[in-house]
Amino acid sequence: MSKNIALVLLVLGIGVGIYAFSTSKEDKAEIEIGSFKLSAEDKEASRETTILYVLAGVCVLVGGALLVRK
């Protein structure tokens, strides 16, 4: 039973990590005109992306620990 939970946590962690990575590029905008560069960042979206990265890491670590544990 714990092996099934471990696999679900691993898949969930990988999925959340991929989702966080794909949405992290939407947090920042950049315009470049000649040598002039203008950029903006959404702080709230960056915080949510960080939370998603941490959640993905925790899921993968817990799932991995449950998987290798006897």
Protein backbone atom coordinates (compact mmCIF):
# COMPACT_ATOMS: atom_id res chain seq x y z
CA MET A 1 0.00 0.00 0.00
CA SER A 2 2.79 2.44 0.83
CA LYS A 3 4.44 1.65 -2.53
CA ASN A 4 1.28 2.87 -4.29
CA ILE A 5 1.25 6.05 -2.23
CA ALA A 6 4.95 6.56 -2.96
CA LEU A 7 4.39 6.23 -6.70
CA VAL A 8 1.43 8.62 -6.58
CA LEU A 9 3.53 11.17 -4.65
CA LEU A 10 6.38 10.85 -7.15
CA VAL A 11 4.10 11.33 -10.13
CA LEU A 12 2.31 14.22 -8.39
CA GLY A 13 5.61 15.88 -7.51
CA ILE A 14 6.92 15.59 -11.06
CA GLY A 15 3.64 16.90 -12.46
CA VAL A 16 3.58 19.89 -10.11
CA GLY A 17 7.22 20.63 -10.93
CA ILE A 18 6.53 20.62 -14.66
CA TYR A 19 3.48 22.84 -14.15
CA ALA A 20 5.49 25.28 -12.02
CA PHE A 21 8.26 25.40 -14.61
CA SER A 22 5.84 26.05 -17.46
CA THR A 23 4.09 28.88 -15.60
CA SER A 24 7.30 30.47 -14.29
CA LYS A 25 8.02 32.00 -17.69
CA GLU A 26 4.69 33.87 -17.53
CA ASP A 27 5.78 35.66 -14.33
CA LYS A 28 8.18 37.93 -16.18
CA ALA A 29 7.84 40.18 -19.20
CA GLU A 30 10.66 41.83 -21.06
CA ILE A 31 10.77 44.31 -23.94
CA GLU A 32 13.97 45.22 -25.71
CA ILE A 33 14.17 48.14 -28.13
CA GLY A 34 17.68 48.63 -29.42
CA SER A 35 19.89 48.94 -26.38
CA PHE A 36 16.95 49.90 -24.12
CA LYS A 37 15.60 47.05 -22.02
CA LEU A 38 12.38 47.19 -20.00
CA SER A 39 11.24 44.34 -17.77
CA ALA A 40 8.48 43.70 -15.26
CA GLU A 41 7.85 40.91 -12.80
CA ASP A 42 4.66 39.77 -11.09
CA LYS A 43 5.69 39.23 -7.46
CA GLU A 44 2.50 37.38 -6.46
CA ALA A 45 2.87 34.92 -9.36
CA SER A 46 6.53 34.41 -8.47
CA ARG A 47 5.57 33.58 -4.89
CA GLU A 48 2.99 31.04 -6.11
CA THR A 49 5.58 29.48 -8.42
CA THR A 50 8.02 29.17 -5.51
CA ILE A 51 5.35 27.47 -3.40
CA LEU A 52 4.67 25.04 -6.26
CA TYR A 53 8.39 24.24 -6.55
CA VAL A 54 8.59 23.56 -2.81
CA LEU A 55 5.47 21.38 -2.92
CA ALA A 56 6.91 19.41 -5.85
CA GLY A 57 10.17 18.89 -3.99
CA VAL A 58 8.43 17.70 -0.84
CA CYS A 59 6.26 15.26 -2.81
CA VAL A 60 9.26 13.82 -4.63
CA LEU A 61 11.32 13.51 -1.43
CA VAL A 62 8.54 11.87 0.58
CA GLY A 63 7.61 9.60 -2.31
CA GLY A 64 11.23 8.59 -2.82
CA ALA A 65 11.71 7.94 0.89
CA LEU A 66 8.59 5.76 1.01
CA LEU A 67 9.69 3.90 -2.11
CA VAL A 68 13.16 2.95 -0.85
CA ARG A 69 12.05 2.23 2.72
CA LYS A 70 11.51 -1.42 3.51
